[in-house]
Amino acid sequence: MLARATTSRLSIAFERSGPTDGFPVLLVHGWPDSLRCWDPILPALHQAGYETIVPELRGYGGTSF
């Protein structure tokens, strides 16, 4: 299940995974991809000690405005 960050104008769905004490890395997908495009690289980043944050951009998936 995706987490959500919400303001009065925007609700962004995102996935946060990996070691919670790791250096955070923000991975942003392009058009017409989704946050799933990063799935193949996530295990290597987590194994290297990084926490990953992968949002769904406006107009994709669970993000709305």
PDB file of N, CA and C in Angstrom:
ATOM      1  N   MET A   1       0.846  -1.188   0.000  1.00  0.00           N
ATOM      2  CA  MET A   1       0.000   0.000   0.000  1.00  0.00           C
ATOM      3  C   MET A   1       0.890   1.249   0.000  1.00  0.00           C
ATOM      4  N   LEU A   2       0.485   2.218  -0.768  1.00  0.00           N
ATOM      5  CA  LEU A   2       1.257   3.449  -0.882  1.00  0.00           C
ATOM      6  C   LEU A   2       0.949   4.391   0.272  1.00  0.00           C
ATOM      7  N   ALA A   3       1.964   5.142   0.684  1.00  0.00           N
ATOM      8  CA  ALA A   3       1.773   6.200   1.672  1.00  0.00           C
ATOM      9  C   ALA A   3       1.236   7.425   0.937  1.00  0.00           C
ATOM     10  N   ARG A   4       0.871   8.440   1.686  1.00  0.00           N
ATOM     11  CA  ARG A   4       0.280   9.622   1.070  1.00  0.00           C
ATOM     12  C   ARG A   4       0.723  10.871   1.829  1.00  0.00           C
ATOM     13  N   ALA A   5       1.087  11.907   1.076  1.00  0.00           N
ATOM     14  CA  ALA A   5       1.363  13.233   1.621  1.00  0.00           C
ATOM     15  C   ALA A   5       0.290  14.154   1.054  1.00  0.00           C
ATOM     16  N   THR A   6      -0.420  14.851   1.932  1.00  0.00           N
ATOM     17  CA  THR A   6      -1.573  15.636   1.496  1.00  0.00           C
ATOM     18  C   THR A   6      -1.479  17.084   1.968  1.00  0.00           C
ATOM     19  N   THR A   7      -1.789  18.005   1.061  1.00  0.00           N
ATOM     20  CA  THR A   7      -1.931  19.418   1.392  1.00  0.00           C
ATOM     21  C   THR A   7      -3.353  19.820   1.008  1.00  0.00           C
ATOM     22  N   SER A   8      -3.674  21.094   1.121  1.00  0.00           N
ATOM     23  CA  SER A   8      -5.017  21.546   0.751  1.00  0.00           C
ATOM     24  C   SER A   8      -5.261  21.460  -0.758  1.00  0.00           C
ATOM     25  N   ARG A   9      -4.212  21.363  -1.563  1.00  0.00           N
ATOM     26  CA  ARG A   9      -4.356  21.343  -3.024  1.00  0.00           C
ATOM     27  C   ARG A   9      -3.915  20.057  -3.701  1.00  0.00           C
ATOM     28  N   LEU A  10      -3.131  19.239  -3.022  1.00  0.00           N
ATOM     29  CA  LEU A  10      -2.494  18.108  -3.680  1.00  0.00           C
ATOM     30  C   LEU A  10      -2.390  16.929  -2.727  1.00  0.00           C
ATOM     31  N   SER A  11      -2.589  15.744  -3.259  1.00  0.00           N
ATOM     32  CA  SER A  11      -2.404  14.511  -2.501  1.00  0.00           C
ATOM     33  C   SER A  11      -1.473  13.614  -3.313  1.00  0.00           C
ATOM     34  N   ILE A  12      -0.262  13.405  -2.802  1.00  0.00           N
ATOM     35  CA  ILE A  12       0.752  12.636  -3.524  1.00  0.00           C
ATOM     36  C   ILE A  12       0.887  11.250  -2.910  1.00  0.00           C
ATOM     37  N   ALA A  13       0.709  10.231  -3.744  1.00  0.00           N
ATOM     38  CA  ALA A  13       0.931   8.851  -3.316  1.00  0.00           C
ATOM     39  C   ALA A  13       2.401   8.524  -3.559  1.00  0.00           C
ATOM     40  N   PHE A  14       3.016   7.811  -2.605  1.00  0.00           N
ATOM     41  CA  PHE A  14       4.418   7.447  -2.772  1.00  0.00           C
ATOM     42  C   PHE A  14       4.725   6.157  -2.030  1.00  0.00           C
ATOM     43  N   GLU A  15       5.803   5.531  -2.462  1.00  0.00           N
ATOM     44  CA  GLU A  15       6.277   4.308  -1.820  1.00  0.00           C
ATOM     45  C   GLU A  15       7.617   4.617  -1.173  1.00  0.00           C
ATOM     46  N   ARG A  16       7.738   4.271   0.096  1.00  0.00           N
ATOM     47  CA  ARG A  16       8.986   4.470   0.838  1.00  0.00           C
ATOM     48  C   ARG A  16       9.454   3.098   1.273  1.00  0.00           C
ATOM     49  N   SER A  17      10.695   2.723   0.944  1.00  0.00           N
ATOM     50  CA  SER A  17      11.172   1.391   1.297  1.00  0.00           C
ATOM     51  C   SER A  17      12.680   1.403   1.501  1.00  0.00           C
ATOM     52  N   GLY A  18      13.188   0.290   1.998  1.00  0.00           N
ATOM     53  CA  GLY A  18      14.610   0.177   2.287  1.00  0.00           C
ATOM     54  C   GLY A  18      14.895   0.501   3.734  1.00  0.00           C
ATOM     55  N   PRO A  19      16.170   0.538   4.115  1.00  0.00           N
ATOM     56  CA  PRO A  19      16.537   0.802   5.503  1.00  0.00           C
ATOM     57  C   PRO A  19      16.111   2.205   5.934  1.00  0.00           C
ATOM     58  N   THR A  20      15.382   2.300   7.032  1.00  0.00           N
ATOM     59  CA  THR A  20      14.884   3.604   7.485  1.00  0.00           C
ATOM     60  C   THR A  20      16.002   4.516   7.983  1.00  0.00           C
ATOM     61  N   ASP A  21      17.160   3.958   8.287  1.00  0.00           N
ATOM     62  CA  ASP A  21      18.289   4.786   8.715  1.00  0.00           C
ATOM     63  C   ASP A  21      19.255   5.073   7.561  1.00  0.00           C
ATOM     64  N   GLY A  22      18.884   4.650   6.354  1.00  0.00           N
ATOM     65  CA  GLY A  22      19.733   4.869   5.183  1.00  0.00           C
ATOM     66  C   GLY A  22      19.579   6.269   4.614  1.00  0.00           C
ATOM     67  N   PHE A  23      20.551   6.682   3.815  1.00  0.00           N
ATOM     68  CA  PHE A  23      20.478   7.969   3.131  1.00  0.00           C
ATOM     69  C   PHE A  23      19.300   7.921   2.165  1.00  0.00           C
ATOM     70  N   PRO A  24      18.367   8.890   2.230  1.00  0.00           N
ATOM     71  CA  PRO A  24      17.191   8.838   1.354  1.00  0.00           C
ATOM     72  C   PRO A  24      17.511   9.226  -0.090  1.00  0.00           C
ATOM     73  N   VAL A  25      16.936   8.468  -1.019  1.00  0.00           N
ATOM     74  CA  VAL A  25      17.087   8.731  -2.451  1.00  0.00           C
ATOM     75  C   VAL A  25      15.688   8.883  -3.040  1.00  0.00           C
ATOM     76  N   LEU A  26      15.442   9.994  -3.734  1.00  0.00           N
ATOM     77  CA  LEU A  26      14.158  10.251  -4.377  1.00  0.00           C
ATOM     78  C   LEU A  26      14.259   9.821  -5.834  1.00  0.00           C
ATOM     79  N   LEU A  27      13.398   8.885  -6.245  1.00  0.00           N
ATOM     80  CA  LEU A  27      13.384   8.371  -7.614  1.00  0.00           C
ATOM     81  C   LEU A  27      12.104   8.846  -8.295  1.00  0.00           C
ATOM     82  N   VAL A  28      12.229   9.600  -9.378  1.00  0.00           N
ATOM     83  CA  VAL A  28      11.075  10.191 -10.057  1.00  0.00           C
ATOM     84  C   VAL A  28      10.927   9.566 -11.442  1.00  0.00           C
ATOM     85  N   HIS A  29       9.738   9.046 -11.729  1.00  0.00           N
ATOM     86  CA  HIS A  29       9.490   8.427 -13.033  1.00  0.00           C
ATOM     87  C   HIS A  29       9.180   9.483 -14.082  1.00  0.00           C
ATOM     88  N   GLY A  30       9.330   9.107 -15.326  1.00  0.00           N
ATOM     89  CA  GLY A  30       9.010   9.995 -16.440  1.00  0.00           C
ATOM     90  C   GLY A  30       7.698   9.597 -17.093  1.00  0.00           C
ATOM     91  N   TRP A  31       7.385  10.237 -18.198  1.00  0.00           N
ATOM     92  CA  TRP A  31       6.165   9.932 -18.940  1.00  0.00           C
ATOM     93  C   TRP A  31       6.502   8.888 -19.984  1.00  0.00           C
ATOM     94  N   PRO A  32       5.773   7.888 -20.190  1.00  0.00           N
ATOM     95  CA  PRO A  32       4.486   7.497 -19.613  1.00  0.00           C
ATOM     96  C   PRO A  32       4.633   6.417 -18.544  1.00  0.00           C
ATOM     97  N   ASP A  33       5.760   6.392 -17.845  1.00  0.00           N
ATOM     98  CA  ASP A  33       6.019   5.349 -16.858  1.00  0.00           C
ATOM     99  C   ASP A  33       5.221   5.553 -15.575  1.00  0.00           C
ATOM    100  N   SER A  34       5.427   4.638 -14.640  1.00  0.00           N
ATOM    101  CA  SER A  34       4.841   4.745 -13.306  1.00  0.00           C
ATOM    102  C   SER A  34       5.951   4.497 -12.300  1.00  0.00           C
ATOM    103  N   LEU A  35       5.632   4.562 -11.039  1.00  0.00           N
ATOM    104  CA  LEU A  35       6.650   4.304 -10.028  1.00  0.00           C
ATOM    105  C   LEU A  35       7.199   2.886 -10.121  1.00  0.00           C
ATOM    106  N   ARG A  36       6.489   1.981 -10.767  1.00  0.00           N
ATOM    107  CA  ARG A  36       6.948   0.590 -10.917  1.00  0.00           C
ATOM    108  C   ARG A  36       8.188   0.480 -11.809  1.00  0.00           C
ATOM    109  N   CYS A  37       8.489   1.511 -12.594  1.00  0.00           N
ATOM    110  CA  CYS A  37       9.668   1.444 -13.468  1.00  0.00           C
ATOM    111  C   CYS A  37      10.955   1.324 -12.662  1.00  0.00           C
ATOM    112  N   TRP A  38      10.924   1.690 -11.377  1.00  0.00           N
ATOM    113  CA  TRP A  38      12.108   1.612 -10.528  1.00  0.00           C
ATOM    114  C   TRP A  38      12.258   0.264  -9.831  1.00  0.00           C
ATOM    115  N   ASP A  39      11.278  -0.612  -9.921  1.00  0.00           N
ATOM    116  CA  ASP A  39      11.326  -1.895  -9.206  1.00  0.00           C
ATOM    117  C   ASP A  39      12.608  -2.695  -9.445  1.00  0.00           C
ATOM    118  N   PRO A  40      13.141  -2.778 -10.678  1.00  0.00           N
ATOM    119  CA  PRO A  40      14.354  -3.575 -10.885  1.00  0.00           C
ATOM    120  C   PRO A  40      15.593  -3.052 -10.142  1.00  0.00           C
ATOM    121  N   ILE A  41      15.668  -1.753  -9.877  1.00  0.00           N
ATOM    122  CA  ILE A  41      16.854  -1.169  -9.244  1.00  0.00           C
ATOM    123  C   ILE A  41      16.729  -1.071  -7.723  1.00  0.00           C
ATOM    124  N   LEU A  42      15.511  -1.146  -7.189  1.00  0.00           N
ATOM    125  CA  LEU A  42      15.307  -0.970  -5.748  1.00  0.00           C
ATOM    126  C   LEU A  42      16.109  -1.947  -4.894  1.00  0.00           C
ATOM    127  N   PRO A  43      16.135  -3.253  -5.193  1.00  0.00           N
ATOM    128  CA  PRO A  43      16.901  -4.172  -4.334  1.00  0.00           C
ATOM    129  C   PRO A  43      18.381  -3.793  -4.215  1.00  0.00           C
ATOM    130  N   ALA A  44      19.002  -3.357  -5.302  1.00  0.00           N
ATOM    131  CA  ALA A  44      20.417  -2.971  -5.250  1.00  0.00           C
ATOM    132  C   ALA A  44      20.619  -1.723  -4.387  1.00  0.00           C
ATOM    133  N   LEU A  45      19.717  -0.759  -4.502  1.00  0.00           N
ATOM    134  CA  LEU A  45      19.817   0.448  -3.678  1.00  0.00           C
ATOM    135  C   LEU A  45      19.628   0.116  -2.202  1.00  0.00           C
ATOM    136  N   HIS A  46      18.662  -0.734  -1.891  1.00  0.00           N
ATOM    137  CA  HIS A  46      18.419  -1.122  -0.498  1.00  0.00           C
ATOM    138  C   HIS A  46      19.609  -1.895   0.061  1.00  0.00           C
ATOM    139  N   GLN A  47      20.153  -2.799  -0.727  1.00  0.00           N
ATOM    140  CA  GLN A  47      21.307  -3.582  -0.286  1.00  0.00           C
ATOM    141  C   GLN A  47      22.520  -2.675  -0.037  1.00  0.00           C
ATOM    142  N   ALA A  48      22.625  -1.598  -0.789  1.00  0.00           N
ATOM    143  CA  ALA A  48      23.714  -0.638  -0.599  1.00  0.00           C
ATOM    144  C   ALA A  48      23.457   0.298   0.580  1.00  0.00           C
ATOM    145  N   GLY A  49      22.294   0.160   1.229  1.00  0.00           N
ATOM    146  CA  GLY A  49      22.002   0.937   2.424  1.00  0.00           C
ATOM    147  C   GLY A  49      21.164   2.175   2.223  1.00  0.00           C
ATOM    148  N   TYR A  50      20.597   2.356   1.031  1.00  0.00           N
ATOM    149  CA  TYR A  50      19.779   3.537   0.760  1.00  0.00           C
ATOM    150  C   TYR A  50      18.309   3.283   1.057  1.00  0.00           C
ATOM    151  N   GLU A  51      17.653   4.313   1.575  1.00  0.00           N
ATOM    152  CA  GLU A  51      16.194   4.306   1.683  1.00  0.00           C
ATOM    153  C   GLU A  51      15.674   4.950   0.403  1.00  0.00           C
ATOM    154  N   THR A  52      14.627   4.401  -0.188  1.00  0.00           N
ATOM    155  CA  THR A  52      14.104   4.969  -1.431  1.00  0.00           C
ATOM    156  C   THR A  52      12.709   5.544  -1.221  1.00  0.00           C
ATOM    157  N   ILE A  53      12.465   6.667  -1.873  1.00  0.00           N
ATOM    158  CA  ILE A  53      11.167   7.332  -1.870  1.00  0.00           C
ATOM    159  C   ILE A  53      10.787   7.498  -3.334  1.00  0.00           C
ATOM    160  N   VAL A  54       9.664   6.880  -3.717  1.00  0.00           N
ATOM    161  CA  VAL A  54       9.259   6.862  -5.125  1.00  0.00           C
ATOM    162  C   VAL A  54       7.823   7.389  -5.229  1.00  0.00           C
ATOM    163  N   PRO A  55       7.634   8.650  -5.639  1.00  0.00           N
ATOM    164  CA  PRO A  55       6.285   9.202  -5.759  1.00  0.00           C
ATOM    165  C   PRO A  55       5.636   8.878  -7.103  1.00  0.00           C
ATOM    166  N   GLU A  56       4.315   8.912  -7.102  1.00  0.00           N
ATOM    167  CA  GLU A  56       3.556   8.887  -8.354  1.00  0.00           C
ATOM    168  C   GLU A  56       3.308  10.346  -8.718  1.00  0.00           C
ATOM    169  N   LEU A  57       3.730  10.746  -9.891  1.00  0.00           N
ATOM    170  CA  LEU A  57       3.593  12.140 -10.294  1.00  0.00           C
ATOM    171  C   LEU A  57       2.135  12.525 -10.527  1.00  0.00           C
ATOM    172  N   ARG A  58       1.886  13.822 -10.620  1.00  0.00           N
ATOM    173  CA  ARG A  58       0.528  14.319 -10.857  1.00  0.00           C
ATOM    174  C   ARG A  58      -0.058  13.679 -12.102  1.00  0.00           C
ATOM    175  N   GLY A  59      -1.282  13.196 -11.971  1.00  0.00           N
ATOM    176  CA  GLY A  59      -1.961  12.560 -13.088  1.00  0.00           C
ATOM    177  C   GLY A  59      -1.737  11.060 -13.170  1.00  0.00           C
ATOM    178  N   TYR A  60      -0.960  10.496 -12.267  1.00  0.00           N
ATOM    179  CA  TYR A  60      -0.667   9.061 -12.261  1.00  0.00           C
ATOM    180  C   TYR A  60      -1.207   8.425 -10.986  1.00  0.00           C
ATOM    181  N   GLY A  61      -1.677   7.187 -11.121  1.00  0.00           N
ATOM    182  CA  GLY A  61      -2.043   6.369  -9.968  1.00  0.00           C
ATOM    183  C   GLY A  61      -2.846   7.087  -8.905  1.00  0.00           C
ATOM    184  N   GLY A  62      -2.350   7.025  -7.670  1.00  0.00           N
ATOM    185  CA  GLY A  62      -3.074   7.569  -6.528  1.00  0.00           C
ATOM    186  C   GLY A  62      -2.844   9.036  -6.247  1.00  0.00           C
ATOM    187  N   THR A  63      -2.077   9.731  -7.081  1.00  0.00           N
ATOM    188  CA  THR A  63      -1.836  11.152  -6.866  1.00  0.00           C
ATOM    189  C   THR A  63      -2.956  11.962  -7.512  1.00  0.00           C
ATOM    190  N   SER A  64      -3.433  12.960  -6.774  1.00  0.00           N
ATOM    191  CA  SER A  64      -4.517  13.796  -7.310  1.00  0.00           C
ATOM    192  C   SER A  64      -4.306  15.243  -6.885  1.00  0.00           C
ATOM    193  N   PHE A  65      -4.909  16.154  -7.652  1.00  0.00           N
ATOM    194  CA  PHE A  65      -4.840  17.582  -7.334  1.00  0.00           C
ATOM    195  C   PHE A  65      -6.093  18.278  -7.789  1.00  0.00           C
TER     196      PHE A  65
END
